[in-house]
Amino acid sequence: MERAVRCHLIRAAGAPPIIVWVVDDSADDDLTAAFASETTVPSPRFWGVWGAGKQGDADALAFRLIDRDTHRERTWWLDAFGPPLLGAILEIPHVVVLQPREIADALKLTDATSADVVGLLRSLRGGLFVRVTEQSDHVRELHGHKVIGGFEGYITYE
């Protein structure tokens, strides 16, 4: 399990929440290859699940990516999060975009309040899109009471 670099939460009107989970793929050739080869949005080959727990003394959220073909799993955690992110994780469906750090650092997120959701998704090119269709019982039980109403825009958690 590795620490995620950061997380961007994007909420656009009329679209499911988009959670951009920025990860370091420099030591994982298989993951780098998946980023390069997957062109379907969302990917039919990968699925993901959220969890919650502790990382040291801090509360943490974790995202587990599962390859349907090889059954290989990778998990990243982040201990910086807030009620809007919790709400997005508990909203079903939502999209998680795993994005390599190098690409994420070079991109500028477009205006997440724009009606141009297609343009927003294009700004996330180079990422692996995973549609999450099951609510995490761990997140709901531990943090569901902190959830606040929806918003439009984006928030970065580092």
N, C-alpha and C. Protein backbone atom coordinates (compact mmCIF):
# COMPACT_ATOMS: atom_id res chain seq x y z
N MET A 1 0.85 -1.16 0.00
CA MET A 1 0.00 0.00 0.00
C MET A 1 0.90 1.23 0.00
N GLU A 2 0.59 2.15 -0.90
CA GLU A 2 1.38 3.37 -1.03
C GLU A 2 0.53 4.60 -0.78
N ARG A 3 1.18 5.67 -0.42
CA ARG A 3 0.47 6.93 -0.23
C ARG A 3 0.19 7.54 -1.60
N ALA A 4 -1.04 8.00 -1.81
CA ALA A 4 -1.36 8.75 -3.02
C ALA A 4 -0.65 10.10 -2.95
N VAL A 5 -0.30 10.65 -4.08
CA VAL A 5 0.38 11.94 -4.12
C VAL A 5 -0.60 13.04 -3.68
N ARG A 6 -1.79 13.01 -4.25
CA ARG A 6 -2.86 13.96 -3.89
C ARG A 6 -4.14 13.48 -4.53
N CYS A 7 -5.21 14.21 -4.24
CA CYS A 7 -6.52 13.88 -4.77
C CYS A 7 -7.21 15.17 -5.19
N HIS A 8 -7.86 15.14 -6.34
CA HIS A 8 -8.68 16.25 -6.80
C HIS A 8 -10.12 15.75 -6.86
N LEU A 9 -11.02 16.48 -6.26
CA LEU A 9 -12.44 16.18 -6.36
C LEU A 9 -13.05 17.18 -7.32
N ILE A 10 -13.73 16.67 -8.34
CA ILE A 10 -14.34 17.51 -9.37
C ILE A 10 -15.82 17.22 -9.41
N ARG A 11 -16.62 18.28 -9.28
CA ARG A 11 -18.08 18.15 -9.36
C ARG A 11 -18.57 19.07 -10.46
N ALA A 12 -19.17 18.51 -11.50
CA ALA A 12 -19.76 19.29 -12.58
C ALA A 12 -21.24 18.97 -12.65
N ALA A 13 -22.05 19.96 -12.92
CA ALA A 13 -23.49 19.78 -12.99
C ALA A 13 -23.85 18.69 -13.99
N GLY A 14 -24.74 17.81 -13.59
CA GLY A 14 -25.22 16.77 -14.49
C GLY A 14 -24.29 15.60 -14.70
N ALA A 15 -23.21 15.52 -13.94
CA ALA A 15 -22.25 14.43 -14.10
C ALA A 15 -21.96 13.80 -12.73
N PRO A 16 -21.62 12.52 -12.72
CA PRO A 16 -21.24 11.92 -11.43
C PRO A 16 -19.95 12.55 -10.92
N PRO A 17 -19.71 12.48 -9.61
CA PRO A 17 -18.45 13.01 -9.08
C PRO A 17 -17.26 12.34 -9.75
N ILE A 18 -16.21 13.12 -9.94
CA ILE A 18 -14.96 12.59 -10.47
C ILE A 18 -13.89 12.81 -9.41
N ILE A 19 -13.27 11.72 -9.01
CA ILE A 19 -12.20 11.76 -8.01
C ILE A 19 -10.91 11.41 -8.73
N VAL A 20 -10.00 12.38 -8.83
CA VAL A 20 -8.72 12.15 -9.50
C VAL A 20 -7.71 11.77 -8.42
N TRP A 21 -7.27 10.54 -8.45
CA TRP A 21 -6.34 9.99 -7.46
C TRP A 21 -4.97 9.99 -8.12
N VAL A 22 -4.13 10.93 -7.77
CA VAL A 22 -2.81 11.08 -8.39
C VAL A 22 -1.84 10.13 -7.68
N VAL A 23 -1.17 9.28 -8.48
CA VAL A 23 -0.30 8.24 -7.91
C VAL A 23 1.07 8.27 -8.57
N ASP A 24 2.03 7.72 -7.87
CA ASP A 24 3.38 7.57 -8.40
C ASP A 24 3.49 6.18 -9.00
N ASP A 25 3.61 6.11 -10.31
CA ASP A 25 3.70 4.82 -10.99
C ASP A 25 5.12 4.48 -11.42
N SER A 26 6.10 5.23 -10.95
CA SER A 26 7.48 5.07 -11.43
C SER A 26 8.08 3.70 -11.13
N ALA A 27 7.62 3.00 -10.11
CA ALA A 27 8.18 1.70 -9.76
C ALA A 27 7.27 0.55 -10.18
N ASP A 28 6.24 0.82 -10.95
CA ASP A 28 5.27 -0.21 -11.32
C ASP A 28 5.07 -0.21 -12.84
N ASP A 29 5.87 -1.01 -13.51
CA ASP A 29 5.83 -1.06 -14.98
C ASP A 29 4.46 -1.51 -15.51
N ASP A 30 3.81 -2.44 -14.80
CA ASP A 30 2.49 -2.91 -15.25
C ASP A 30 1.46 -1.79 -15.19
N LEU A 31 1.51 -0.99 -14.15
CA LEU A 31 0.58 0.12 -14.03
C LEU A 31 0.87 1.18 -15.09
N THR A 32 2.14 1.46 -15.32
CA THR A 32 2.52 2.41 -16.37
C THR A 32 2.00 1.93 -17.73
N ALA A 33 2.12 0.63 -17.99
CA ALA A 33 1.61 0.07 -19.25
C ALA A 33 0.09 0.20 -19.33
N ALA A 34 -0.60 0.01 -18.22
CA ALA A 34 -2.06 0.15 -18.21
C ALA A 34 -2.45 1.59 -18.52
N PHE A 35 -1.74 2.56 -17.94
CA PHE A 35 -2.02 3.97 -18.24
C PHE A 35 -1.86 4.23 -19.74
N ALA A 36 -0.83 3.65 -20.33
CA ALA A 36 -0.52 3.91 -21.73
C ALA A 36 -1.49 3.21 -22.68
N SER A 37 -2.00 2.05 -22.29
CA SER A 37 -2.77 1.25 -23.25
C SER A 37 -4.29 1.37 -23.10
N GLU A 38 -4.78 1.72 -21.93
CA GLU A 38 -6.23 1.75 -21.72
C GLU A 38 -6.84 2.99 -22.36
N THR A 39 -7.75 2.78 -23.28
CA THR A 39 -8.36 3.91 -23.98
C THR A 39 -9.86 4.01 -23.75
N THR A 40 -10.47 3.01 -23.16
CA THR A 40 -11.90 3.00 -22.92
C THR A 40 -12.22 3.76 -21.64
N VAL A 41 -13.27 4.59 -21.70
CA VAL A 41 -13.68 5.37 -20.54
C VAL A 41 -15.13 5.03 -20.22
N PRO A 42 -15.42 4.44 -19.06
CA PRO A 42 -14.47 3.91 -18.09
C PRO A 42 -13.92 2.56 -18.55
N SER A 43 -12.83 2.15 -17.94
CA SER A 43 -12.16 0.92 -18.32
C SER A 43 -13.01 -0.31 -17.96
N PRO A 44 -13.18 -1.23 -18.90
CA PRO A 44 -13.87 -2.48 -18.56
C PRO A 44 -12.94 -3.48 -17.86
N ARG A 45 -11.64 -3.22 -17.92
CA ARG A 45 -10.65 -4.16 -17.38
C ARG A 45 -10.40 -3.97 -15.88
N PHE A 46 -10.65 -2.76 -15.38
CA PHE A 46 -10.33 -2.45 -13.99
C PHE A 46 -11.58 -2.08 -13.22
N TRP A 47 -11.57 -2.36 -11.95
CA TRP A 47 -12.61 -1.89 -11.05
C TRP A 47 -11.94 -1.49 -9.75
N GLY A 48 -12.67 -0.77 -8.92
CA GLY A 48 -12.07 -0.28 -7.69
C GLY A 48 -13.04 -0.27 -6.54
N VAL A 49 -12.47 -0.21 -5.35
CA VAL A 49 -13.25 -0.20 -4.12
C VAL A 49 -12.56 0.70 -3.11
N TRP A 50 -13.37 1.41 -2.31
CA TRP A 50 -12.86 2.31 -1.29
C TRP A 50 -12.84 1.62 0.07
N GLY A 51 -11.92 2.04 0.91
CA GLY A 51 -11.87 1.60 2.29
C GLY A 51 -11.48 2.76 3.18
N ALA A 52 -11.64 2.57 4.47
CA ALA A 52 -11.28 3.59 5.44
C ALA A 52 -10.64 2.90 6.63
N GLY A 53 -9.76 3.61 7.29
CA GLY A 53 -9.09 3.06 8.45
C GLY A 53 -8.10 4.07 9.00
N LYS A 54 -7.04 3.56 9.56
CA LYS A 54 -6.00 4.40 10.15
C LYS A 54 -4.69 4.19 9.41
N GLN A 55 -3.95 5.26 9.27
CA GLN A 55 -2.58 5.21 8.78
C GLN A 55 -1.76 5.90 9.86
N GLY A 56 -1.09 5.11 10.68
CA GLY A 56 -0.47 5.68 11.88
C GLY A 56 -1.59 6.09 12.82
N ASP A 57 -1.55 7.33 13.28
CA ASP A 57 -2.60 7.84 14.16
C ASP A 57 -3.71 8.57 13.41
N ALA A 58 -3.54 8.78 12.12
CA ALA A 58 -4.49 9.57 11.34
C ALA A 58 -5.54 8.71 10.66
N ASP A 59 -6.75 9.26 10.51
CA ASP A 59 -7.76 8.62 9.68
C ASP A 59 -7.28 8.66 8.24
N ALA A 60 -7.58 7.61 7.49
CA ALA A 60 -7.15 7.55 6.10
C ALA A 60 -8.23 6.91 5.24
N LEU A 61 -8.25 7.31 3.98
CA LEU A 61 -9.06 6.68 2.95
C LEU A 61 -8.12 5.92 2.04
N ALA A 62 -8.58 4.79 1.53
CA ALA A 62 -7.76 4.00 0.62
C ALA A 62 -8.59 3.62 -0.60
N PHE A 63 -7.93 3.63 -1.76
CA PHE A 63 -8.56 3.17 -2.99
C PHE A 63 -7.79 1.97 -3.49
N ARG A 64 -8.51 0.87 -3.72
CA ARG A 64 -7.89 -0.36 -4.24
C ARG A 64 -8.31 -0.56 -5.69
N LEU A 65 -7.33 -0.63 -6.57
CA LEU A 65 -7.54 -0.88 -7.99
C LEU A 65 -7.34 -2.38 -8.22
N ILE A 66 -8.29 -2.99 -8.92
CA ILE A 66 -8.22 -4.43 -9.17
C ILE A 66 -8.30 -4.66 -10.67
N ASP A 67 -7.32 -5.41 -11.19
CA ASP A 67 -7.28 -5.78 -12.60
C ASP A 67 -8.12 -7.04 -12.77
N ARG A 68 -9.20 -6.93 -13.54
CA ARG A 68 -10.10 -8.08 -13.72
C ARG A 68 -9.41 -9.25 -14.42
N ASP A 69 -8.43 -8.98 -15.27
CA ASP A 69 -7.76 -10.05 -16.02
C ASP A 69 -6.74 -10.79 -15.16
N THR A 70 -5.87 -10.07 -14.49
CA THR A 70 -4.78 -10.71 -13.74
C THR A 70 -5.09 -10.85 -12.25
N HIS A 71 -6.13 -10.18 -11.78
CA HIS A 71 -6.52 -10.14 -10.37
C HIS A 71 -5.46 -9.47 -9.50
N ARG A 72 -4.55 -8.76 -10.14
CA ARG A 72 -3.54 -8.01 -9.38
C ARG A 72 -4.19 -6.78 -8.77
N GLU A 73 -3.83 -6.49 -7.54
CA GLU A 73 -4.40 -5.35 -6.82
C GLU A 73 -3.31 -4.38 -6.42
N ARG A 74 -3.68 -3.10 -6.42
CA ARG A 74 -2.80 -2.04 -5.93
C ARG A 74 -3.67 -1.14 -5.06
N THR A 75 -3.11 -0.67 -3.95
CA THR A 75 -3.87 0.17 -3.03
C THR A 75 -3.06 1.42 -2.70
N TRP A 76 -3.76 2.56 -2.74
CA TRP A 76 -3.16 3.84 -2.36
C TRP A 76 -4.03 4.45 -1.27
N TRP A 77 -3.41 5.12 -0.33
CA TRP A 77 -4.14 5.77 0.77
C TRP A 77 -3.81 7.25 0.82
N LEU A 78 -4.69 7.99 1.48
CA LEU A 78 -4.49 9.42 1.68
C LEU A 78 -5.14 9.80 3.00
N ASP A 79 -4.42 10.57 3.80
CA ASP A 79 -4.96 10.96 5.11
C ASP A 79 -5.44 12.41 5.13
N ALA A 80 -5.47 13.06 3.98
CA ALA A 80 -6.00 14.42 3.86
C ALA A 80 -7.31 14.34 3.07
N PHE A 81 -8.43 14.57 3.77
CA PHE A 81 -9.72 14.53 3.09
C PHE A 81 -10.73 15.30 3.92
N GLY A 82 -11.85 15.59 3.31
CA GLY A 82 -12.89 16.34 4.00
C GLY A 82 -14.27 15.86 3.63
N PRO A 83 -15.29 16.47 4.22
CA PRO A 83 -16.67 16.05 3.97
C PRO A 83 -17.08 16.01 2.49
N PRO A 84 -16.64 16.96 1.64
CA PRO A 84 -17.04 16.85 0.22
C PRO A 84 -16.51 15.58 -0.45
N LEU A 85 -15.27 15.20 -0.15
CA LEU A 85 -14.71 13.98 -0.72
C LEU A 85 -15.46 12.76 -0.21
N LEU A 86 -15.76 12.74 1.07
CA LEU A 86 -16.52 11.61 1.64
C LEU A 86 -17.87 11.48 0.95
N GLY A 87 -18.54 12.61 0.72
CA GLY A 87 -19.82 12.57 0.03
C GLY A 87 -19.71 12.02 -1.38
N ALA A 88 -18.65 12.40 -2.08
CA ALA A 88 -18.44 11.90 -3.45
C ALA A 88 -18.17 10.41 -3.45
N ILE A 89 -17.40 9.94 -2.48
CA ILE A 89 -17.10 8.50 -2.40
C ILE A 89 -18.36 7.70 -2.12
N LEU A 90 -19.25 8.26 -1.30
CA LEU A 90 -20.48 7.55 -0.95
C LEU A 90 -21.58 7.70 -2.01
N GLU A 91 -21.40 8.63 -2.96
CA GLU A 91 -22.38 8.77 -4.04
C GLU A 91 -22.10 7.73 -5.12
N ILE A 92 -23.12 6.99 -5.45
CA ILE A 92 -22.97 5.92 -6.43
C ILE A 92 -23.87 6.22 -7.62
N PRO A 93 -23.35 6.12 -8.86
CA PRO A 93 -21.96 5.83 -9.20
C PRO A 93 -21.11 7.09 -9.14
N HIS A 94 -19.80 6.87 -9.14
CA HIS A 94 -18.84 7.96 -9.32
C HIS A 94 -17.66 7.40 -10.11
N VAL A 95 -16.82 8.29 -10.56
CA VAL A 95 -15.68 7.89 -11.38
C VAL A 95 -14.39 8.24 -10.64
N VAL A 96 -13.48 7.29 -10.62
CA VAL A 96 -12.14 7.54 -10.10
C VAL A 96 -11.19 7.53 -11.30
N VAL A 97 -10.40 8.58 -11.40
CA VAL A 97 -9.39 8.65 -12.45
C VAL A 97 -8.04 8.52 -11.76
N LEU A 98 -7.38 7.39 -11.99
CA LEU A 98 -6.02 7.23 -11.50
C LEU A 98 -5.11 7.90 -12.51
N GLN A 99 -4.31 8.81 -12.03
CA GLN A 99 -3.48 9.58 -12.95
C GLN A 99 -2.04 9.58 -12.47
N PRO A 100 -1.10 9.29 -13.37
CA PRO A 100 0.31 9.33 -12.99
C PRO A 100 0.72 10.75 -12.60
N ARG A 101 1.59 10.83 -11.62
CA ARG A 101 2.05 12.13 -11.11
C ARG A 101 2.61 13.03 -12.20
N GLU A 102 3.41 12.47 -13.09
CA GLU A 102 4.05 13.29 -14.12
C GLU A 102 3.01 13.98 -15.01
N ILE A 103 1.97 13.25 -15.37
CA ILE A 103 0.93 13.82 -16.22
C ILE A 103 0.09 14.81 -15.43
N ALA A 104 -0.29 14.44 -14.21
CA ALA A 104 -1.12 15.32 -13.38
C ALA A 104 -0.43 16.64 -13.09
N ASP A 105 0.88 16.59 -12.85
CA ASP A 105 1.61 17.83 -12.56
C ASP A 105 1.67 18.76 -13.76
N ALA A 106 1.61 18.19 -14.98
CA ALA A 106 1.70 19.01 -16.19
C ALA A 106 0.36 19.57 -16.64
N LEU A 107 -0.74 18.98 -16.16
CA LEU A 107 -2.07 19.40 -16.62
C LEU A 107 -2.65 20.49 -15.73
N LYS A 108 -3.49 21.26 -16.33
CA LYS A 108 -4.29 22.24 -15.59
C LYS A 108 -5.74 21.78 -15.68
N LEU A 109 -6.40 21.66 -14.54
CA LEU A 109 -7.81 21.26 -14.57
C LEU A 109 -8.63 22.38 -15.18
N THR A 110 -9.54 22.01 -16.05
CA THR A 110 -10.44 23.01 -16.62
C THR A 110 -11.49 23.39 -15.59
N ASP A 111 -12.25 24.39 -15.88
CA ASP A 111 -13.28 24.87 -14.97
C ASP A 111 -14.31 23.76 -14.74
N ALA A 112 -14.34 23.22 -13.53
CA ALA A 112 -15.21 22.09 -13.22
C ALA A 112 -16.67 22.47 -13.17
N THR A 113 -16.99 23.75 -13.17
CA THR A 113 -18.39 24.15 -13.19
C THR A 113 -18.90 24.29 -14.62
N SER A 114 -18.05 24.06 -15.58
CA SER A 114 -18.42 24.19 -16.98
C SER A 114 -19.44 23.12 -17.36
N ALA A 115 -20.32 23.47 -18.27
CA ALA A 115 -21.26 22.49 -18.80
C ALA A 115 -20.56 21.54 -19.77
N ASP A 116 -19.34 21.85 -20.15
CA ASP A 116 -18.58 21.03 -21.11
C ASP A 116 -17.89 19.89 -20.37
N VAL A 117 -18.67 18.87 -19.99
CA VAL A 117 -18.12 17.74 -19.27
C VAL A 117 -17.13 16.98 -20.14
N VAL A 118 -17.38 16.92 -21.44
CA VAL A 118 -16.45 16.25 -22.35
C VAL A 118 -15.09 16.94 -22.31
N GLY A 119 -15.09 18.28 -22.31
CA GLY A 119 -13.83 19.01 -22.21
C GLY A 119 -13.12 18.75 -20.91
N LEU A 120 -13.89 18.63 -19.83
CA LEU A 120 -13.32 18.32 -18.53
C LEU A 120 -12.64 16.95 -18.56
N LEU A 121 -13.31 15.97 -19.13
CA LEU A 121 -12.73 14.63 -19.21
C LEU A 121 -11.48 14.62 -20.08
N ARG A 122 -11.49 15.39 -21.16
CA ARG A 122 -10.29 15.46 -22.02
C ARG A 122 -9.11 16.06 -21.26
N SER A 123 -9.41 16.95 -20.30
CA SER A 123 -8.31 17.53 -19.53
C SER A 123 -7.65 16.50 -18.61
N LEU A 124 -8.29 15.36 -18.44
CA LEU A 124 -7.75 14.30 -17.58
C LEU A 124 -7.08 13.20 -18.40
N ARG A 125 -6.76 13.50 -19.65
CA ARG A 125 -6.15 12.50 -20.52
C ARG A 125 -4.91 11.89 -19.86
N GLY A 126 -4.65 10.66 -20.21
CA GLY A 126 -3.51 9.94 -19.63
C GLY A 126 -3.85 9.22 -18.34
N GLY A 127 -5.08 9.38 -17.88
CA GLY A 127 -5.51 8.70 -16.65
C GLY A 127 -6.26 7.42 -16.96
N LEU A 128 -6.39 6.60 -15.96
CA LEU A 128 -7.13 5.34 -16.05
C LEU A 128 -8.46 5.57 -15.35
N PHE A 129 -9.55 5.52 -16.11
CA PHE A 129 -10.89 5.82 -15.59
C PHE A 129 -11.54 4.54 -15.08
N VAL A 130 -12.02 4.59 -13.83
CA VAL A 130 -12.66 3.44 -13.20
C VAL A 130 -14.02 3.89 -12.69
N ARG A 131 -15.07 3.21 -13.07
CA ARG A 131 -16.42 3.54 -12.59
C ARG A 131 -16.68 2.73 -11.33
N VAL A 132 -17.01 3.42 -10.24
CA VAL A 132 -17.29 2.76 -8.96
C VAL A 132 -18.81 2.69 -8.80
N THR A 133 -19.31 1.48 -8.62
CA THR A 133 -20.76 1.27 -8.57
C THR A 133 -21.23 0.68 -7.25
N GLU A 134 -20.32 0.48 -6.30
CA GLU A 134 -20.72 -0.06 -5.00
C GLU A 134 -20.25 0.87 -3.91
N GLN A 135 -21.13 1.13 -2.96
CA GLN A 135 -20.79 2.03 -1.86
C GLN A 135 -19.92 1.30 -0.84
N SER A 136 -18.94 1.99 -0.31
CA SER A 136 -18.05 1.42 0.70
C SER A 136 -18.72 1.45 2.07
N ASP A 137 -18.92 0.27 2.64
CA ASP A 137 -19.47 0.19 4.00
C ASP A 137 -18.51 0.79 5.02
N HIS A 138 -17.20 0.60 4.81
CA HIS A 138 -16.21 1.15 5.74
C HIS A 138 -16.28 2.67 5.80
N VAL A 139 -16.31 3.29 4.64
CA VAL A 139 -16.35 4.76 4.59
C VAL A 139 -17.66 5.25 5.20
N ARG A 140 -18.77 4.61 4.85
CA ARG A 140 -20.08 5.03 5.37
C ARG A 140 -20.13 4.90 6.90
N GLU A 141 -19.66 3.79 7.43
CA GLU A 141 -19.72 3.55 8.88
C GLU A 141 -18.81 4.48 9.66
N LEU A 142 -17.60 4.72 9.15
CA LEU A 142 -16.64 5.54 9.89
C LEU A 142 -16.82 7.04 9.68
N HIS A 143 -17.26 7.44 8.49
CA HIS A 143 -17.25 8.86 8.17
C HIS A 143 -18.56 9.41 7.60
N GLY A 144 -19.58 8.58 7.45
CA GLY A 144 -20.83 9.02 6.83
C GLY A 144 -21.47 10.20 7.53
N HIS A 145 -21.27 10.33 8.82
CA HIS A 145 -21.87 11.45 9.57
C HIS A 145 -21.23 12.80 9.24
N LYS A 146 -20.08 12.79 8.56
CA LYS A 146 -19.38 14.03 8.22
C LYS A 146 -19.76 14.59 6.85
N VAL A 147 -20.52 13.82 6.07
CA VAL A 147 -20.83 14.19 4.70
C VAL A 147 -21.67 15.47 4.66
N ILE A 148 -21.35 16.34 3.72
CA ILE A 148 -22.13 17.57 3.51
C ILE A 148 -22.75 17.53 2.12
N GLY A 149 -23.62 18.47 1.84
CA GLY A 149 -24.27 18.54 0.54
C GLY A 149 -23.30 18.74 -0.61
N GLY A 150 -23.79 18.51 -1.80
CA GLY A 150 -22.95 18.62 -2.99
C GLY A 150 -22.56 20.05 -3.31
N PHE A 151 -21.64 20.21 -4.19
CA PHE A 151 -21.15 21.51 -4.64
C PHE A 151 -20.69 21.35 -6.08
N GLU A 152 -20.42 22.43 -6.75
CA GLU A 152 -19.81 22.40 -8.07
C GLU A 152 -18.46 23.06 -7.99
N GLY A 153 -17.50 22.51 -8.64
CA GLY A 153 -16.15 23.04 -8.64
C GLY A 153 -15.15 21.94 -8.37
N TYR A 154 -13.99 22.31 -7.85
CA TYR A 154 -13.02 21.27 -7.49
C TYR A 154 -12.26 21.65 -6.23
N ILE A 155 -11.81 20.61 -5.57
CA ILE A 155 -11.05 20.74 -4.33
C ILE A 155 -9.84 19.83 -4.46
N THR A 156 -8.70 20.27 -3.97
CA THR A 156 -7.50 19.44 -3.95
C THR A 156 -7.16 19.06 -2.52
N TYR A 157 -6.87 17.78 -2.32
CA TYR A 157 -6.44 17.27 -1.00
C TYR A 157 -5.02 16.75 -1.16
N GLU A 158 -4.10 17.24 -0.33
CA GLU A 158 -2.71 16.78 -0.42
C GLU A 158 -2.24 16.25 0.91
